[in-house]
Amino acid sequence: MAKKKKQQRQQPAQQQSAKSEALTLKDQLNGDVLEKLKLAKKDLVAKEQAAQDEREAKLAFERKQREKNKSFAELLNEYGDKGSKFNS
């Protein structure tokens, strides 16, 4: 019976230490490190947005260049007579 009493007394102590270990990452980091991480996240988001904007601009430019370099036959096949205001 003495063994059971010792085990029961150890369990509350282990639960208490588990609660102290359950601190969140935010609680464990000091404010300076947390601010640096937030700043790094903002920078990364800004860089990703800039890269996305650049990709979209490049695709738009390439579309314009392809349209500009089409031959008359390609334009006629694509648009036909529907683009003429002189057709009756």
PDB file of N, CA and C in Angstrom:
ATOM      1  N   MET A   1       0.797  -1.178   0.000  1.00  0.00           N
ATOM      2  CA  MET A   1       0.000   0.000   0.000  1.00  0.00           C
ATOM      3  C   MET A   1       0.858   1.269   0.000  1.00  0.00           C
ATOM      4  N   ALA A   2       1.976   1.196   0.591  1.00  0.00           N
ATOM      5  CA  ALA A   2       2.856   2.352   0.656  1.00  0.00           C
ATOM      6  C   ALA A   2       3.308   2.764  -0.745  1.00  0.00           C
ATOM      7  N   LYS A   3       3.475   1.810  -1.619  1.00  0.00           N
ATOM      8  CA  LYS A   3       3.887   2.115  -2.988  1.00  0.00           C
ATOM      9  C   LYS A   3       2.800   2.906  -3.706  1.00  0.00           C
ATOM     10  N   LYS A   4       1.551   2.546  -3.504  1.00  0.00           N
ATOM     11  CA  LYS A   4       0.456   3.243  -4.172  1.00  0.00           C
ATOM     12  C   LYS A   4       0.379   4.692  -3.703  1.00  0.00           C
ATOM     13  N   LYS A   5       0.596   4.932  -2.421  1.00  0.00           N
ATOM     14  CA  LYS A   5       0.533   6.301  -1.909  1.00  0.00           C
ATOM     15  C   LYS A   5       1.643   7.154  -2.514  1.00  0.00           C
ATOM     16  N   LYS A   6       2.829   6.597  -2.683  1.00  0.00           N
ATOM     17  CA  LYS A   6       3.939   7.342  -3.274  1.00  0.00           C
ATOM     18  C   LYS A   6       3.630   7.695  -4.736  1.00  0.00           C
ATOM     19  N   GLN A   7       3.034   6.771  -5.468  1.00  0.00           N
ATOM     20  CA  GLN A   7       2.706   7.024  -6.868  1.00  0.00           C
ATOM     21  C   GLN A   7       1.642   8.107  -6.978  1.00  0.00           C
ATOM     22  N   GLN A   8       0.677   8.093  -6.089  1.00  0.00           N
ATOM     23  CA  GLN A   8      -0.377   9.086  -6.132  1.00  0.00           C
ATOM     24  C   GLN A   8       0.172  10.477  -5.809  1.00  0.00           C
ATOM     25  N   ARG A   9       1.150  10.570  -4.950  1.00  0.00           N
ATOM     26  CA  ARG A   9       1.728  11.863  -4.599  1.00  0.00           C
ATOM     27  C   ARG A   9       2.587  12.409  -5.746  1.00  0.00           C
ATOM     28  N   GLN A  10       3.204  11.542  -6.527  1.00  0.00           N
ATOM     29  CA  GLN A  10       4.063  11.979  -7.624  1.00  0.00           C
ATOM     30  C   GLN A  10       3.239  12.494  -8.801  1.00  0.00           C
ATOM     31  N   GLN A  11       2.074  11.975  -9.016  1.00  0.00           N
ATOM     32  CA  GLN A  11       1.261  12.376 -10.158  1.00  0.00           C
ATOM     33  C   GLN A  11       0.885  13.857 -10.123  1.00  0.00           C
ATOM     34  N   PRO A  12       0.425  14.404  -8.996  1.00  0.00           N
ATOM     35  CA  PRO A  12       0.112  15.840  -9.001  1.00  0.00           C
ATOM     36  C   PRO A  12       1.339  16.699  -9.312  1.00  0.00           C
ATOM     37  N   ALA A  13       2.491  16.297  -8.848  1.00  0.00           N
ATOM     38  CA  ALA A  13       3.705  17.051  -9.123  1.00  0.00           C
ATOM     39  C   ALA A  13       4.027  16.997 -10.614  1.00  0.00           C
ATOM     40  N   GLN A  14       3.823  15.867 -11.227  1.00  0.00           N
ATOM     41  CA  GLN A  14       4.077  15.735 -12.658  1.00  0.00           C
ATOM     42  C   GLN A  14       3.071  16.550 -13.458  1.00  0.00           C
ATOM     43  N   GLN A  15       1.844  16.608 -13.018  1.00  0.00           N
ATOM     44  CA  GLN A  15       0.839  17.402 -13.716  1.00  0.00           C
ATOM     45  C   GLN A  15       1.178  18.885 -13.626  1.00  0.00           C
ATOM     46  N   GLN A  16       1.667  19.307 -12.478  1.00  0.00           N
ATOM     47  CA  GLN A  16       2.049  20.707 -12.306  1.00  0.00           C
ATOM     48  C   GLN A  16       3.192  21.071 -13.244  1.00  0.00           C
ATOM     49  N   SER A  17       4.174  20.186 -13.366  1.00  0.00           N
ATOM     50  CA  SER A  17       5.296  20.483 -14.256  1.00  0.00           C
ATOM     51  C   SER A  17       4.849  20.452 -15.709  1.00  0.00           C
ATOM     52  N   ALA A  18       3.878  19.626 -16.044  1.00  0.00           N
ATOM     53  CA  ALA A  18       3.353  19.584 -17.408  1.00  0.00           C
ATOM     54  C   ALA A  18       2.638  20.885 -17.735  1.00  0.00           C
ATOM     55  N   LYS A  19       1.956  21.477 -16.753  1.00  0.00           N
ATOM     56  CA  LYS A  19       1.276  22.746 -16.976  1.00  0.00           C
ATOM     57  C   LYS A  19       2.290  23.856 -17.241  1.00  0.00           C
ATOM     58  N   SER A  20       3.387  23.843 -16.516  1.00  0.00           N
ATOM     59  CA  SER A  20       4.389  24.879 -16.725  1.00  0.00           C
ATOM     60  C   SER A  20       5.077  24.703 -18.077  1.00  0.00           C
ATOM     61  N   GLU A  21       5.166  23.485 -18.564  1.00  0.00           N
ATOM     62  CA  GLU A  21       5.756  23.232 -19.880  1.00  0.00           C
ATOM     63  C   GLU A  21       4.780  23.564 -20.999  1.00  0.00           C
ATOM     64  N   ALA A  22       3.523  23.739 -20.683  1.00  0.00           N
ATOM     65  CA  ALA A  22       2.504  24.003 -21.692  1.00  0.00           C
ATOM     66  C   ALA A  22       2.463  25.468 -22.092  1.00  0.00           C
ATOM     67  N   LEU A  23       3.461  26.235 -21.732  1.00  0.00           N
ATOM     68  CA  LEU A  23       3.518  27.631 -22.143  1.00  0.00           C
ATOM     69  C   LEU A  23       3.598  27.709 -23.657  1.00  0.00           C
ATOM     70  N   THR A  24       2.968  28.701 -24.208  1.00  0.00           N
ATOM     71  CA  THR A  24       3.003  28.846 -25.661  1.00  0.00           C
ATOM     72  C   THR A  24       4.348  29.410 -26.088  1.00  0.00           C
ATOM     73  N   LEU A  25       4.597  29.330 -27.358  1.00  0.00           N
ATOM     74  CA  LEU A  25       5.844  29.849 -27.900  1.00  0.00           C
ATOM     75  C   LEU A  25       5.927  31.352 -27.681  1.00  0.00           C
ATOM     76  N   LYS A  26       4.799  32.025 -27.795  1.00  0.00           N
ATOM     77  CA  LYS A  26       4.755  33.471 -27.582  1.00  0.00           C
ATOM     78  C   LYS A  26       5.161  33.814 -26.150  1.00  0.00           C
ATOM     79  N   ASP A  27       4.720  33.001 -25.200  1.00  0.00           N
ATOM     80  CA  ASP A  27       5.066  33.239 -23.803  1.00  0.00           C
ATOM     81  C   ASP A  27       6.560  33.019 -23.553  1.00  0.00           C
ATOM     82  N   GLN A  28       7.146  32.090 -24.257  1.00  0.00           N
ATOM     83  CA  GLN A  28       8.543  31.750 -24.020  1.00  0.00           C
ATOM     84  C   GLN A  28       9.505  32.738 -24.668  1.00  0.00           C
ATOM     85  N   LEU A  29       9.110  33.329 -25.786  1.00  0.00           N
ATOM     86  CA  LEU A  29       9.995  34.266 -26.470  1.00  0.00           C
ATOM     87  C   LEU A  29       9.908  35.632 -25.812  1.00  0.00           C
ATOM     88  N   ASN A  30      11.010  36.324 -25.804  1.00  0.00           N
ATOM     89  CA  ASN A  30      10.941  37.681 -25.277  1.00  0.00           C
ATOM     90  C   ASN A  30      10.437  38.610 -26.378  1.00  0.00           C
ATOM     91  N   GLY A  31      10.046  39.796 -26.028  1.00  0.00           N
ATOM     92  CA  GLY A  31       9.406  40.724 -26.947  1.00  0.00           C
ATOM     93  C   GLY A  31      10.261  41.098 -28.140  1.00  0.00           C
ATOM     94  N   ASP A  32      11.554  41.219 -27.946  1.00  0.00           N
ATOM     95  CA  ASP A  32      12.444  41.624 -29.026  1.00  0.00           C
ATOM     96  C   ASP A  32      12.472  40.581 -30.139  1.00  0.00           C
ATOM     97  N   VAL A  33      12.572  39.325 -29.761  1.00  0.00           N
ATOM     98  CA  VAL A  33      12.612  38.250 -30.746  1.00  0.00           C
ATOM     99  C   VAL A  33      11.273  38.157 -31.465  1.00  0.00           C
ATOM    100  N   LEU A  34      10.196  38.327 -30.740  1.00  0.00           N
ATOM    101  CA  LEU A  34       8.866  38.279 -31.338  1.00  0.00           C
ATOM    102  C   LEU A  34       8.688  39.402 -32.359  1.00  0.00           C
ATOM    103  N   GLU A  35       9.160  40.590 -32.041  1.00  0.00           N
ATOM    104  CA  GLU A  35       9.063  41.713 -32.980  1.00  0.00           C
ATOM    105  C   GLU A  35       9.891  41.450 -34.235  1.00  0.00           C
ATOM    106  N   LYS A  36      11.076  40.857 -34.063  1.00  0.00           N
ATOM    107  CA  LYS A  36      11.914  40.531 -35.217  1.00  0.00           C
ATOM    108  C   LYS A  36      11.220  39.518 -36.117  1.00  0.00           C
ATOM    109  N   LEU A  37      10.570  38.536 -35.516  1.00  0.00           N
ATOM    110  CA  LEU A  37       9.852  37.540 -36.313  1.00  0.00           C
ATOM    111  C   LEU A  37       8.684  38.168 -37.064  1.00  0.00           C
ATOM    112  N   LYS A  38       7.961  39.065 -36.413  1.00  0.00           N
ATOM    113  CA  LYS A  38       6.848  39.743 -37.080  1.00  0.00           C
ATOM    114  C   LYS A  38       7.349  40.590 -38.244  1.00  0.00           C
ATOM    115  N   LEU A  39       8.458  41.279 -38.052  1.00  0.00           N
ATOM    116  CA  LEU A  39       9.031  42.103 -39.100  1.00  0.00           C
ATOM    117  C   LEU A  39       9.491  41.236 -40.276  1.00  0.00           C
ATOM    118  N   ALA A  40      10.109  40.108 -39.975  1.00  0.00           N
ATOM    119  CA  ALA A  40      10.556  39.196 -41.027  1.00  0.00           C
ATOM    120  C   ALA A  40       9.360  38.654 -41.816  1.00  0.00           C
ATOM    121  N   LYS A  41       8.272  38.380 -41.123  1.00  0.00           N
ATOM    122  CA  LYS A  41       7.067  37.894 -41.797  1.00  0.00           C
ATOM    123  C   LYS A  41       6.514  38.962 -42.733  1.00  0.00           C
ATOM    124  N   LYS A  42       6.460  40.211 -42.270  1.00  0.00           N
ATOM    125  CA  LYS A  42       5.971  41.306 -43.117  1.00  0.00           C
ATOM    126  C   LYS A  42       6.845  41.460 -44.358  1.00  0.00           C
ATOM    127  N   ASP A  43       8.166  41.381 -44.175  1.00  0.00           N
ATOM    128  CA  ASP A  43       9.079  41.500 -45.305  1.00  0.00           C
ATOM    129  C   ASP A  43       8.860  40.376 -46.312  1.00  0.00           C
ATOM    130  N   LEU A  44       8.681  39.179 -45.810  1.00  0.00           N
ATOM    131  CA  LEU A  44       8.475  38.037 -46.686  1.00  0.00           C
ATOM    132  C   LEU A  44       7.177  38.171 -47.470  1.00  0.00           C
ATOM    133  N   VAL A  45       6.123  38.609 -46.818  1.00  0.00           N
ATOM    134  CA  VAL A  45       4.837  38.803 -47.496  1.00  0.00           C
ATOM    135  C   VAL A  45       4.967  39.882 -48.564  1.00  0.00           C
ATOM    136  N   ALA A  46       5.673  40.962 -48.247  1.00  0.00           N
ATOM    137  CA  ALA A  46       5.864  42.041 -49.216  1.00  0.00           C
ATOM    138  C   ALA A  46       6.664  41.563 -50.426  1.00  0.00           C
ATOM    139  N   LYS A  47       7.699  40.764 -50.184  1.00  0.00           N
ATOM    140  CA  LYS A  47       8.504  40.236 -51.296  1.00  0.00           C
ATOM    141  C   LYS A  47       7.690  39.301 -52.174  1.00  0.00           C
ATOM    142  N   GLU A  48       6.871  38.457 -51.552  1.00  0.00           N
ATOM    143  CA  GLU A  48       6.031  37.543 -52.333  1.00  0.00           C
ATOM    144  C   GLU A  48       5.026  38.319 -53.175  1.00  0.00           C
ATOM    145  N   GLN A  49       4.449  39.378 -52.616  1.00  0.00           N
ATOM    146  CA  GLN A  49       3.489  40.197 -53.357  1.00  0.00           C
ATOM    147  C   GLN A  49       4.174  40.887 -54.531  1.00  0.00           C
ATOM    148  N   ALA A  50       5.366  41.405 -54.306  1.00  0.00           N
ATOM    149  CA  ALA A  50       6.107  42.073 -55.377  1.00  0.00           C
ATOM    150  C   ALA A  50       6.455  41.085 -56.491  1.00  0.00           C
ATOM    151  N   ALA A  51       6.845  39.874 -56.122  1.00  0.00           N
ATOM    152  CA  ALA A  51       7.162  38.860 -57.120  1.00  0.00           C
ATOM    153  C   ALA A  51       5.921  38.482 -57.923  1.00  0.00           C
ATOM    154  N   GLN A  52       4.779  38.382 -57.267  1.00  0.00           N
ATOM    155  CA  GLN A  52       3.529  38.056 -57.957  1.00  0.00           C
ATOM    156  C   GLN A  52       3.153  39.177 -58.922  1.00  0.00           C
ATOM    157  N   ASP A  53       3.278  40.419 -58.489  1.00  0.00           N
ATOM    158  CA  ASP A  53       2.983  41.557 -59.360  1.00  0.00           C
ATOM    159  C   ASP A  53       3.906  41.571 -60.577  1.00  0.00           C
ATOM    160  N   GLU A  54       5.172  41.263 -60.342  1.00  0.00           N
ATOM    161  CA  GLU A  54       6.139  41.234 -61.438  1.00  0.00           C
ATOM    162  C   GLU A  54       5.793  40.139 -62.451  1.00  0.00           C
ATOM    163  N   ARG A  55       5.393  38.959 -61.956  1.00  0.00           N
ATOM    164  CA  ARG A  55       4.993  37.877 -62.869  1.00  0.00           C
ATOM    165  C   ARG A  55       3.793  38.279 -63.712  1.00  0.00           C
ATOM    166  N   GLU A  56       2.814  38.914 -63.079  1.00  0.00           N
ATOM    167  CA  GLU A  56       1.613  39.333 -63.806  1.00  0.00           C
ATOM    168  C   GLU A  56       1.949  40.383 -64.856  1.00  0.00           C
ATOM    169  N   ALA A  57       2.817  41.324 -64.523  1.00  0.00           N
ATOM    170  CA  ALA A  57       3.220  42.351 -65.474  1.00  0.00           C
ATOM    171  C   ALA A  57       3.975  41.731 -66.651  1.00  0.00           C
ATOM    172  N   LYS A  58       4.821  40.759 -66.358  1.00  0.00           N
ATOM    173  CA  LYS A  58       5.584  40.096 -67.420  1.00  0.00           C
ATOM    174  C   LYS A  58       4.654  39.339 -68.365  1.00  0.00           C
ATOM    175  N   LEU A  59       3.662  38.651 -67.805  1.00  0.00           N
ATOM    176  CA  LEU A  59       2.714  37.929 -68.655  1.00  0.00           C
ATOM    177  C   LEU A  59       1.902  38.889 -69.519  1.00  0.00           C
ATOM    178  N   ALA A  60       1.490  40.020 -68.958  1.00  0.00           N
ATOM    179  CA  ALA A  60       0.734  41.015 -69.727  1.00  0.00           C
ATOM    180  C   ALA A  60       1.594  41.577 -70.856  1.00  0.00           C
ATOM    181  N   PHE A  61       2.852  41.850 -70.560  1.00  0.00           N
ATOM    182  CA  PHE A  61       3.757  42.369 -71.585  1.00  0.00           C
ATOM    183  C   PHE A  61       3.953  41.346 -72.711  1.00  0.00           C
ATOM    184  N   GLU A  62       4.132  40.076 -72.333  1.00  0.00           N
ATOM    185  CA  GLU A  62       4.309  39.027 -73.349  1.00  0.00           C
ATOM    186  C   GLU A  62       3.064  38.874 -74.216  1.00  0.00           C
ATOM    187  N   ARG A  63       1.870  38.992 -73.613  1.00  0.00           N
ATOM    188  CA  ARG A  63       0.634  38.929 -74.402  1.00  0.00           C
ATOM    189  C   ARG A  63       0.570  40.073 -75.411  1.00  0.00           C
ATOM    190  N   LYS A  64       0.928  41.271 -74.961  1.00  0.00           N
ATOM    191  CA  LYS A  64       0.930  42.423 -75.864  1.00  0.00           C
ATOM    192  C   LYS A  64       1.922  42.222 -77.002  1.00  0.00           C
ATOM    193  N   GLN A  65       3.095  41.690 -76.668  1.00  0.00           N
ATOM    194  CA  GLN A  65       4.106  41.475 -77.705  1.00  0.00           C
ATOM    195  C   GLN A  65       3.641  40.440 -78.730  1.00  0.00           C
ATOM    196  N   ARG A  66       3.002  39.379 -78.257  1.00  0.00           N
ATOM    197  CA  ARG A  66       2.492  38.375 -79.199  1.00  0.00           C
ATOM    198  C   ARG A  66       1.423  38.976 -80.096  1.00  0.00           C
ATOM    199  N   GLU A  67       0.532  39.768 -79.510  1.00  0.00           N
ATOM    200  CA  GLU A  67      -0.523  40.415 -80.288  1.00  0.00           C
ATOM    201  C   GLU A  67       0.084  41.388 -81.303  1.00  0.00           C
ATOM    202  N   LYS A  68       1.094  42.115 -80.885  1.00  0.00           N
ATOM    203  CA  LYS A  68       1.734  43.106 -81.743  1.00  0.00           C
ATOM    204  C   LYS A  68       2.454  42.445 -82.922  1.00  0.00           C
ATOM    205  N   ASN A  69       2.999  41.270 -82.700  1.00  0.00           N
ATOM    206  CA  ASN A  69       3.800  40.608 -83.724  1.00  0.00           C
ATOM    207  C   ASN A  69       3.001  39.654 -84.611  1.00  0.00           C
ATOM    208  N   LYS A  70       1.686  39.620 -84.451  1.00  0.00           N
ATOM    209  CA  LYS A  70       0.871  38.748 -85.300  1.00  0.00           C
ATOM    210  C   LYS A  70       0.857  39.275 -86.732  1.00  0.00           C
ATOM    211  N   SER A  71       0.810  38.328 -87.656  1.00  0.00           N
ATOM    212  CA  SER A  71       0.728  38.731 -89.053  1.00  0.00           C
ATOM    213  C   SER A  71      -0.715  39.110 -89.390  1.00  0.00           C
ATOM    214  N   PHE A  72      -0.888  39.717 -90.568  1.00  0.00           N
ATOM    215  CA  PHE A  72      -2.225  40.125 -90.983  1.00  0.00           C
ATOM    216  C   PHE A  72      -3.140  38.912 -91.116  1.00  0.00           C
ATOM    217  N   ALA A  73      -2.617  37.812 -91.616  1.00  0.00           N
ATOM    218  CA  ALA A  73      -3.424  36.593 -91.779  1.00  0.00           C
ATOM    219  C   ALA A  73      -3.886  36.062 -90.423  1.00  0.00           C
ATOM    220  N   GLU A  74      -3.005  36.084 -89.433  1.00  0.00           N
ATOM    221  CA  GLU A  74      -3.383  35.621 -88.093  1.00  0.00           C
ATOM    222  C   GLU A  74      -4.463  36.513 -87.483  1.00  0.00           C
ATOM    223  N   LEU A  75      -4.314  37.821 -87.659  1.00  0.00           N
ATOM    224  CA  LEU A  75      -5.319  38.751 -87.148  1.00  0.00           C
ATOM    225  C   LEU A  75      -6.658  38.559 -87.850  1.00  0.00           C
ATOM    226  N   LEU A  76      -6.624  38.344 -89.163  1.00  0.00           N
ATOM    227  CA  LEU A  76      -7.850  38.132 -89.920  1.00  0.00           C
ATOM    228  C   LEU A  76      -8.539  36.843 -89.497  1.00  0.00           C
ATOM    229  N   ASN A  77      -7.764  35.802 -89.262  1.00  0.00           N
ATOM    230  CA  ASN A  77      -8.347  34.538 -88.794  1.00  0.00           C
ATOM    231  C   ASN A  77      -8.951  34.691 -87.404  1.00  0.00           C
ATOM    232  N   GLU A  78      -8.302  35.454 -86.572  1.00  0.00           N
ATOM    233  CA  GLU A  78      -8.764  35.599 -85.199  1.00  0.00           C
ATOM    234  C   GLU A  78      -9.997  36.502 -85.094  1.00  0.00           C
ATOM    235  N   TYR A  79      -9.964  37.626 -85.786  1.00  0.00           N
ATOM    236  CA  TYR A  79     -11.044  38.601 -85.628  1.00  0.00           C
ATOM    237  C   TYR A  79     -12.046  38.577 -86.780  1.00  0.00           C
ATOM    238  N   GLY A  80     -11.611  38.188 -87.956  1.00  0.00           N
ATOM    239  CA  GLY A  80     -12.521  38.113 -89.099  1.00  0.00           C
ATOM    240  C   GLY A  80     -13.108  39.460 -89.445  1.00  0.00           C
ATOM    241  N   ASP A  81     -14.349  39.445 -89.886  1.00  0.00           N
ATOM    242  CA  ASP A  81     -15.009  40.671 -90.311  1.00  0.00           C
ATOM    243  C   ASP A  81     -15.742  41.367 -89.174  1.00  0.00           C
ATOM    244  N   LYS A  82     -15.755  40.797 -88.013  1.00  0.00           N
ATOM    245  CA  LYS A  82     -16.526  41.370 -86.912  1.00  0.00           C
ATOM    246  C   LYS A  82     -15.926  42.663 -86.376  1.00  0.00           C
ATOM    247  N   GLY A  83     -14.685  42.978 -86.686  1.00  0.00           N
ATOM    248  CA  GLY A  83     -14.044  44.161 -86.168  1.00  0.00           C
ATOM    249  C   GLY A  83     -14.150  45.360 -87.087  1.00  0.00           C
ATOM    250  N   SER A  84     -14.757  45.209 -88.247  1.00  0.00           N
ATOM    251  CA  SER A  84     -14.806  46.304 -89.204  1.00  0.00           C
ATOM    252  C   SER A  84     -16.060  47.134 -89.034  1.00  0.00           C
ATOM    253  N   LYS A  85     -15.913  48.450 -88.955  1.00  0.00           N
ATOM    254  CA  LYS A  85     -17.073  49.323 -88.853  1.00  0.00           C
ATOM    255  C   LYS A  85     -17.602  49.714 -90.235  1.00  0.00           C
ATOM    256  N   PHE A  86     -16.892  49.314 -91.294  1.00  0.00           N
ATOM    257  CA  PHE A  86     -17.285  49.683 -92.635  1.00  0.00           C
ATOM    258  C   PHE A  86     -18.149  48.614 -93.303  1.00  0.00           C
ATOM    259  N   ASN A  87     -18.284  47.468 -92.687  1.00  0.00           N
ATOM    260  CA  ASN A  87     -19.144  46.418 -93.266  1.00  0.00           C
ATOM    261  C   ASN A  87     -20.590  46.840 -93.123  1.00  0.00           C
ATOM    262  N   SER A  88     -21.380  46.519 -94.166  1.00  0.00           N
ATOM    263  CA  SER A  88     -22.779  46.890 -94.097  1.00  0.00           C
ATOM    264  C   SER A  88     -23.672  45.741 -93.707  1.00  0.00           C
TER     265      SER A  88
END
